[in-house]
Amino acid sequence: MPFAIRPAVAADAPALAAVAAVTFPLACPPHTTEEAKADFIATHLSEASFDSYLADPARDLFVAEEDGRALGYTMLVAGDPADPDVAAVITTRPTAELSKVYVLPDAHGGGVASALVAASVEAARARGAAAVWLGVNQENGRANRFYEKSGFARVGTKRFLVGGRYEDDYVRELVL
């Protein structure tokens, strides 16, 4: 599948929110309620949220697209982690968080996620980061296999709040 990776711009907010609405639920553990998923999307993955993310100078967002259609996106957040659980296990500084990696299901297996992650890692390097970290739900086997294959080592755990319930995430780190 021919696709291109590029930095996201303000005009991409609606497309990014649409991809997020489809893909975020796929990353949730089976016990996550539809209400909790919808609330998280409305609160953190809305078009207004992406407007804010795209305007934040500490963030780099990348979009993968094919024929003008968004297939997926990543979001990198520069700076030390605010979460004390993450800060305690990250071994290399300065660091950046790979906050979001989402690809539409019909584009899985085509190299889109790998290309998006590569663009984000390069952006982290350009910002002077010596490592990139991420959190991923412990029950998300597909994502954990992908991150392991991509060089992100499991270094600890953290909690992630969705719908009033804390989920258990692995913290993974890629030293650059």
C-alpha atoms as a PDB file:
ATOM      1  CA  MET A   1       0.000   0.000   0.000  1.00  0.00           C
ATOM      2  CA  PRO A   2       1.570   3.340  -0.981  1.00  0.00           C
ATOM      3  CA  PHE A   3       1.379   5.848   1.848  1.00  0.00           C
ATOM      4  CA  ALA A   4       3.214   8.956   2.951  1.00  0.00           C
ATOM      5  CA  ILE A   5       4.226  10.195   6.397  1.00  0.00           C
ATOM      6  CA  ARG A   6       4.246  13.917   7.086  1.00  0.00           C
ATOM      7  CA  PRO A   7       4.063  16.316  10.025  1.00  0.00           C
ATOM      8  CA  ALA A   8       0.452  16.990  10.937  1.00  0.00           C
ATOM      9  CA  VAL A   9      -0.855  20.543  10.606  1.00  0.00           C
ATOM     10  CA  ALA A  10      -3.815  22.376  12.130  1.00  0.00           C
ATOM     11  CA  ALA A  11      -6.071  21.426   9.219  1.00  0.00           C
ATOM     12  CA  ASP A  12      -5.542  17.741  10.104  1.00  0.00           C
ATOM     13  CA  ALA A  13      -7.378  17.959  13.440  1.00  0.00           C
ATOM     14  CA  PRO A  14     -10.702  16.576  12.106  1.00  0.00           C
ATOM     15  CA  ALA A  15      -9.008  13.625  10.375  1.00  0.00           C
ATOM     16  CA  LEU A  16      -6.866  12.839  13.431  1.00  0.00           C
ATOM     17  CA  ALA A  17      -9.920  12.906  15.683  1.00  0.00           C
ATOM     18  CA  ALA A  18     -11.753  10.590  13.281  1.00  0.00           C
ATOM     19  CA  VAL A  19      -8.862   8.091  13.286  1.00  0.00           C
ATOM     20  CA  ALA A  20      -8.667   8.313  17.090  1.00  0.00           C
ATOM     21  CA  ALA A  21     -12.389   7.597  17.466  1.00  0.00           C
ATOM     22  CA  VAL A  22     -12.003   4.371  15.487  1.00  0.00           C
ATOM     23  CA  THR A  23      -8.666   3.202  16.873  1.00  0.00           C
ATOM     24  CA  PHE A  24      -8.664   4.093  20.586  1.00  0.00           C
ATOM     25  CA  PRO A  25     -11.349   1.506  21.434  1.00  0.00           C
ATOM     26  CA  LEU A  26      -9.265  -1.191  19.724  1.00  0.00           C
ATOM     27  CA  ALA A  27      -6.412  -0.570  22.183  1.00  0.00           C
ATOM     28  CA  CYS A  28      -8.625  -0.912  25.268  1.00  0.00           C
ATOM     29  CA  PRO A  29      -8.882  -4.085  27.316  1.00  0.00           C
ATOM     30  CA  PRO A  30     -12.075  -6.102  26.767  1.00  0.00           C
ATOM     31  CA  HIS A  31     -13.610  -5.024  30.086  1.00  0.00           C
ATOM     32  CA  THR A  32     -13.546  -1.302  29.183  1.00  0.00           C
ATOM     33  CA  THR A  33     -17.134  -0.126  28.833  1.00  0.00           C
ATOM     34  CA  GLU A  34     -18.423   1.624  25.744  1.00  0.00           C
ATOM     35  CA  GLU A  35     -19.309   4.584  27.963  1.00  0.00           C
ATOM     36  CA  ALA A  36     -15.734   4.810  29.278  1.00  0.00           C
ATOM     37  CA  LYS A  37     -14.309   4.654  25.753  1.00  0.00           C
ATOM     38  CA  ALA A  38     -16.705   7.338  24.511  1.00  0.00           C
ATOM     39  CA  ASP A  39     -15.914   9.584  27.476  1.00  0.00           C
ATOM     40  CA  PHE A  40     -12.163   9.250  26.937  1.00  0.00           C
ATOM     41  CA  ILE A  41     -12.516  10.021  23.235  1.00  0.00           C
ATOM     42  CA  ALA A  42     -14.709  13.069  23.934  1.00  0.00           C
ATOM     43  CA  THR A  43     -12.325  14.342  26.616  1.00  0.00           C
ATOM     44  CA  HIS A  44      -8.902  13.589  25.096  1.00  0.00           C
ATOM     45  CA  LEU A  45      -9.310  12.741  21.408  1.00  0.00           C
ATOM     46  CA  SER A  46     -11.829  15.258  20.117  1.00  0.00           C
ATOM     47  CA  GLU A  47     -11.169  17.676  17.297  1.00  0.00           C
ATOM     48  CA  ALA A  48     -10.713  20.420  19.926  1.00  0.00           C
ATOM     49  CA  SER A  49      -8.150  18.238  21.726  1.00  0.00           C
ATOM     50  CA  PHE A  50      -6.204  17.809  18.500  1.00  0.00           C
ATOM     51  CA  ASP A  51      -6.397  21.557  17.843  1.00  0.00           C
ATOM     52  CA  SER A  52      -4.697  22.013  21.221  1.00  0.00           C
ATOM     53  CA  TYR A  53      -2.128  19.245  20.637  1.00  0.00           C
ATOM     54  CA  LEU A  54      -1.210  20.645  17.222  1.00  0.00           C
ATOM     55  CA  ALA A  55      -0.717  24.132  18.692  1.00  0.00           C
ATOM     56  CA  ASP A  56       1.529  22.884  21.530  1.00  0.00           C
ATOM     57  CA  PRO A  57       5.221  23.516  20.712  1.00  0.00           C
ATOM     58  CA  ALA A  58       6.248  20.564  22.917  1.00  0.00           C
ATOM     59  CA  ARG A  59       4.372  18.127  20.652  1.00  0.00           C
ATOM     60  CA  ASP A  60       5.147  16.638  17.256  1.00  0.00           C
ATOM     61  CA  LEU A  61       2.308  14.889  15.464  1.00  0.00           C
ATOM     62  CA  PHE A  62       2.724  12.840  12.320  1.00  0.00           C
ATOM     63  CA  VAL A  63       0.034  11.560   9.997  1.00  0.00           C
ATOM     64  CA  ALA A  64       0.186   8.657   7.571  1.00  0.00           C
ATOM     65  CA  GLU A  65      -2.004   9.089   4.552  1.00  0.00           C
ATOM     66  CA  GLU A  66      -2.859   7.429   1.306  1.00  0.00           C
ATOM     67  CA  ASP A  67      -4.569   9.388  -1.459  1.00  0.00           C
ATOM     68  CA  GLY A  68      -5.445  12.121   1.049  1.00  0.00           C
ATOM     69  CA  ARG A  69      -7.008   9.667   3.535  1.00  0.00           C
ATOM     70  CA  ALA A  70      -5.538   9.551   7.035  1.00  0.00           C
ATOM     71  CA  LEU A  71      -4.474   5.985   7.899  1.00  0.00           C
ATOM     72  CA  GLY A  72      -2.930   6.678  11.289  1.00  0.00           C
ATOM     73  CA  TYR A  73      -0.989   9.088  13.440  1.00  0.00           C
ATOM     74  CA  THR A  74       1.561   9.422  16.207  1.00  0.00           C
ATOM     75  CA  MET A  75       2.102  12.074  18.841  1.00  0.00           C
ATOM     76  CA  LEU A  76       5.439  12.760  20.506  1.00  0.00           C
ATOM     77  CA  VAL A  77       5.615  14.862  23.677  1.00  0.00           C
ATOM     78  CA  ALA A  78       9.003  16.337  24.553  1.00  0.00           C
ATOM     79  CA  GLY A  79      10.127  16.593  28.154  1.00  0.00           C
ATOM     80  CA  ASP A  80      10.472  14.581  31.311  1.00  0.00           C
ATOM     81  CA  PRO A  81       7.493  12.481  32.385  1.00  0.00           C
ATOM     82  CA  ALA A  82       5.163  14.021  34.955  1.00  0.00           C
ATOM     83  CA  ASP A  83       3.923  10.598  36.112  1.00  0.00           C
ATOM     84  CA  PRO A  84       6.044   9.538  39.122  1.00  0.00           C
ATOM     85  CA  ASP A  85       5.757   5.835  38.199  1.00  0.00           C
ATOM     86  CA  VAL A  86       7.198   6.581  34.760  1.00  0.00           C
ATOM     87  CA  ALA A  87       9.861   8.973  36.073  1.00  0.00           C
ATOM     88  CA  ALA A  88      11.069   6.262  38.459  1.00  0.00           C
ATOM     89  CA  VAL A  89      11.698   3.678  35.721  1.00  0.00           C
ATOM     90  CA  ILE A  90      12.942   5.724  32.769  1.00  0.00           C
ATOM     91  CA  THR A  91      16.693   5.269  32.690  1.00  0.00           C
ATOM     92  CA  THR A  92      17.832   7.795  30.092  1.00  0.00           C
ATOM     93  CA  ARG A  93      17.366  11.553  29.938  1.00  0.00           C
ATOM     94  CA  PRO A  94      16.511  13.769  28.175  1.00  0.00           C
ATOM     95  CA  THR A  95      13.476  11.851  27.016  1.00  0.00           C
ATOM     96  CA  ALA A  96      10.251  12.217  25.057  1.00  0.00           C
ATOM     97  CA  GLU A  97       6.990  10.320  25.276  1.00  0.00           C
ATOM     98  CA  LEU A  98       5.523   8.549  22.285  1.00  0.00           C
ATOM     99  CA  SER A  99       2.051   9.341  23.529  1.00  0.00           C
ATOM    100  CA  LYS A 100      -0.056   7.964  20.717  1.00  0.00           C
ATOM    101  CA  VAL A 101       0.433   5.427  17.928  1.00  0.00           C
ATOM    102  CA  TYR A 102      -2.795   4.567  16.156  1.00  0.00           C
ATOM    103  CA  VAL A 103      -3.403   3.019  12.738  1.00  0.00           C
ATOM    104  CA  LEU A 104      -6.748   2.140  11.157  1.00  0.00           C
ATOM    105  CA  PRO A 105      -7.402  -1.619  11.113  1.00  0.00           C
ATOM    106  CA  ASP A 106      -7.458  -1.861   7.320  1.00  0.00           C
ATOM    107  CA  ALA A 107      -3.888  -0.491   7.257  1.00  0.00           C
ATOM    108  CA  HIS A 108      -2.474  -2.907   9.862  1.00  0.00           C
ATOM    109  CA  GLY A 109       0.464  -4.959   8.688  1.00  0.00           C
ATOM    110  CA  GLY A 110       1.451  -2.579   5.897  1.00  0.00           C
ATOM    111  CA  GLY A 111       4.340  -0.800   7.597  1.00  0.00           C
ATOM    112  CA  VAL A 112       2.338   2.299   8.518  1.00  0.00           C
ATOM    113  CA  ALA A 113       2.929   2.060  12.275  1.00  0.00           C
ATOM    114  CA  SER A 114       6.651   1.399  11.793  1.00  0.00           C
ATOM    115  CA  ALA A 115       6.996   4.423   9.523  1.00  0.00           C
ATOM    116  CA  LEU A 116       5.081   6.637  11.939  1.00  0.00           C
ATOM    117  CA  VAL A 117       7.205   5.494  14.882  1.00  0.00           C
ATOM    118  CA  ALA A 118      10.387   6.074  12.861  1.00  0.00           C
ATOM    119  CA  ALA A 119       9.293   9.650  12.089  1.00  0.00           C
ATOM    120  CA  SER A 120       8.533  10.244  15.763  1.00  0.00           C
ATOM    121  CA  VAL A 121      11.869   8.797  16.900  1.00  0.00           C
ATOM    122  CA  GLU A 122      13.670  11.069  14.426  1.00  0.00           C
ATOM    123  CA  ALA A 123      11.731  14.051  15.796  1.00  0.00           C
ATOM    124  CA  ALA A 124      12.788  13.067  19.315  1.00  0.00           C
ATOM    125  CA  ARG A 125      16.417  12.937  18.189  1.00  0.00           C
ATOM    126  CA  ALA A 126      16.049  16.347  16.541  1.00  0.00           C
ATOM    127  CA  ARG A 127      14.766  17.705  19.856  1.00  0.00           C
ATOM    128  CA  GLY A 128      17.845  16.311  21.601  1.00  0.00           C
ATOM    129  CA  ALA A 129      16.185  13.362  23.338  1.00  0.00           C
ATOM    130  CA  ALA A 130      18.387  10.420  24.277  1.00  0.00           C
ATOM    131  CA  ALA A 131      15.388   8.090  24.669  1.00  0.00           C
ATOM    132  CA  VAL A 132      11.714   7.705  23.856  1.00  0.00           C
ATOM    133  CA  TRP A 133       9.238   6.076  26.237  1.00  0.00           C
ATOM    134  CA  LEU A 134       5.621   4.966  25.962  1.00  0.00           C
ATOM    135  CA  GLY A 135       2.875   3.339  27.964  1.00  0.00           C
ATOM    136  CA  VAL A 136       0.863   0.429  26.564  1.00  0.00           C
ATOM    137  CA  ASN A 137      -1.902  -1.611  28.157  1.00  0.00           C
ATOM    138  CA  GLN A 138      -0.594  -4.909  29.468  1.00  0.00           C
ATOM    139  CA  GLU A 139      -3.473  -6.768  27.795  1.00  0.00           C
ATOM    140  CA  ASN A 140      -2.797  -5.305  24.330  1.00  0.00           C
ATOM    141  CA  GLY A 141      -0.782  -8.202  22.941  1.00  0.00           C
ATOM    142  CA  ARG A 142      -0.569  -6.904  19.376  1.00  0.00           C
ATOM    143  CA  ALA A 143       0.814  -3.521  20.460  1.00  0.00           C
ATOM    144  CA  ASN A 144       3.232  -5.073  22.947  1.00  0.00           C
ATOM    145  CA  ARG A 145       4.639  -7.379  20.260  1.00  0.00           C
ATOM    146  CA  PHE A 146       5.006  -4.435  17.880  1.00  0.00           C
ATOM    147  CA  TYR A 147       6.823  -2.272  20.443  1.00  0.00           C
ATOM    148  CA  GLU A 148       9.104  -5.137  21.473  1.00  0.00           C
ATOM    149  CA  LYS A 149       9.978  -5.749  17.817  1.00  0.00           C
ATOM    150  CA  SER A 150      10.566  -1.995  17.406  1.00  0.00           C
ATOM    151  CA  GLY A 151      13.173  -1.985  20.187  1.00  0.00           C
ATOM    152  CA  PHE A 152      11.108  -0.610  23.078  1.00  0.00           C
ATOM    153  CA  ALA A 153      12.201  -2.550  26.167  1.00  0.00           C
ATOM    154  CA  ARG A 154       9.800  -3.057  29.055  1.00  0.00           C
ATOM    155  CA  VAL A 155      11.203  -1.088  31.994  1.00  0.00           C
ATOM    156  CA  GLY A 156       8.287  -0.830  34.427  1.00  0.00           C
ATOM    157  CA  THR A 157       4.585  -0.261  34.905  1.00  0.00           C
ATOM    158  CA  LYS A 158       2.186   2.611  35.391  1.00  0.00           C
ATOM    159  CA  ARG A 159      -1.514   3.187  35.773  1.00  0.00           C
ATOM    160  CA  PHE A 160      -3.749   4.741  33.108  1.00  0.00           C
ATOM    161  CA  LEU A 161      -7.203   6.119  33.924  1.00  0.00           C
ATOM    162  CA  VAL A 162     -10.074   5.304  31.560  1.00  0.00           C
ATOM    163  CA  GLY A 163     -13.658   5.864  32.663  1.00  0.00           C
ATOM    164  CA  GLY A 164     -12.934   6.049  36.382  1.00  0.00           C
ATOM    165  CA  ARG A 165     -10.985   2.781  36.325  1.00  0.00           C
ATOM    166  CA  TYR A 166      -7.229   2.481  36.430  1.00  0.00           C
ATOM    167  CA  GLU A 167      -5.701   0.145  33.872  1.00  0.00           C
ATOM    168  CA  ASP A 168      -2.254  -1.417  34.140  1.00  0.00           C
ATOM    169  CA  ASP A 169       0.208  -0.332  31.478  1.00  0.00           C
ATOM    170  CA  TYR A 170       3.730  -1.398  30.724  1.00  0.00           C
ATOM    171  CA  VAL A 171       6.252   1.400  30.422  1.00  0.00           C
ATOM    172  CA  ARG A 172       8.591   0.776  27.490  1.00  0.00           C
ATOM    173  CA  GLU A 173      11.745   2.684  26.601  1.00  0.00           C
ATOM    174  CA  LEU A 174      13.847   2.972  23.472  1.00  0.00           C
ATOM    175  CA  VAL A 175      17.318   4.345  24.112  1.00  0.00           C
ATOM    176  CA  LEU A 176      18.457   6.291  21.050  1.00  0.00           C
END
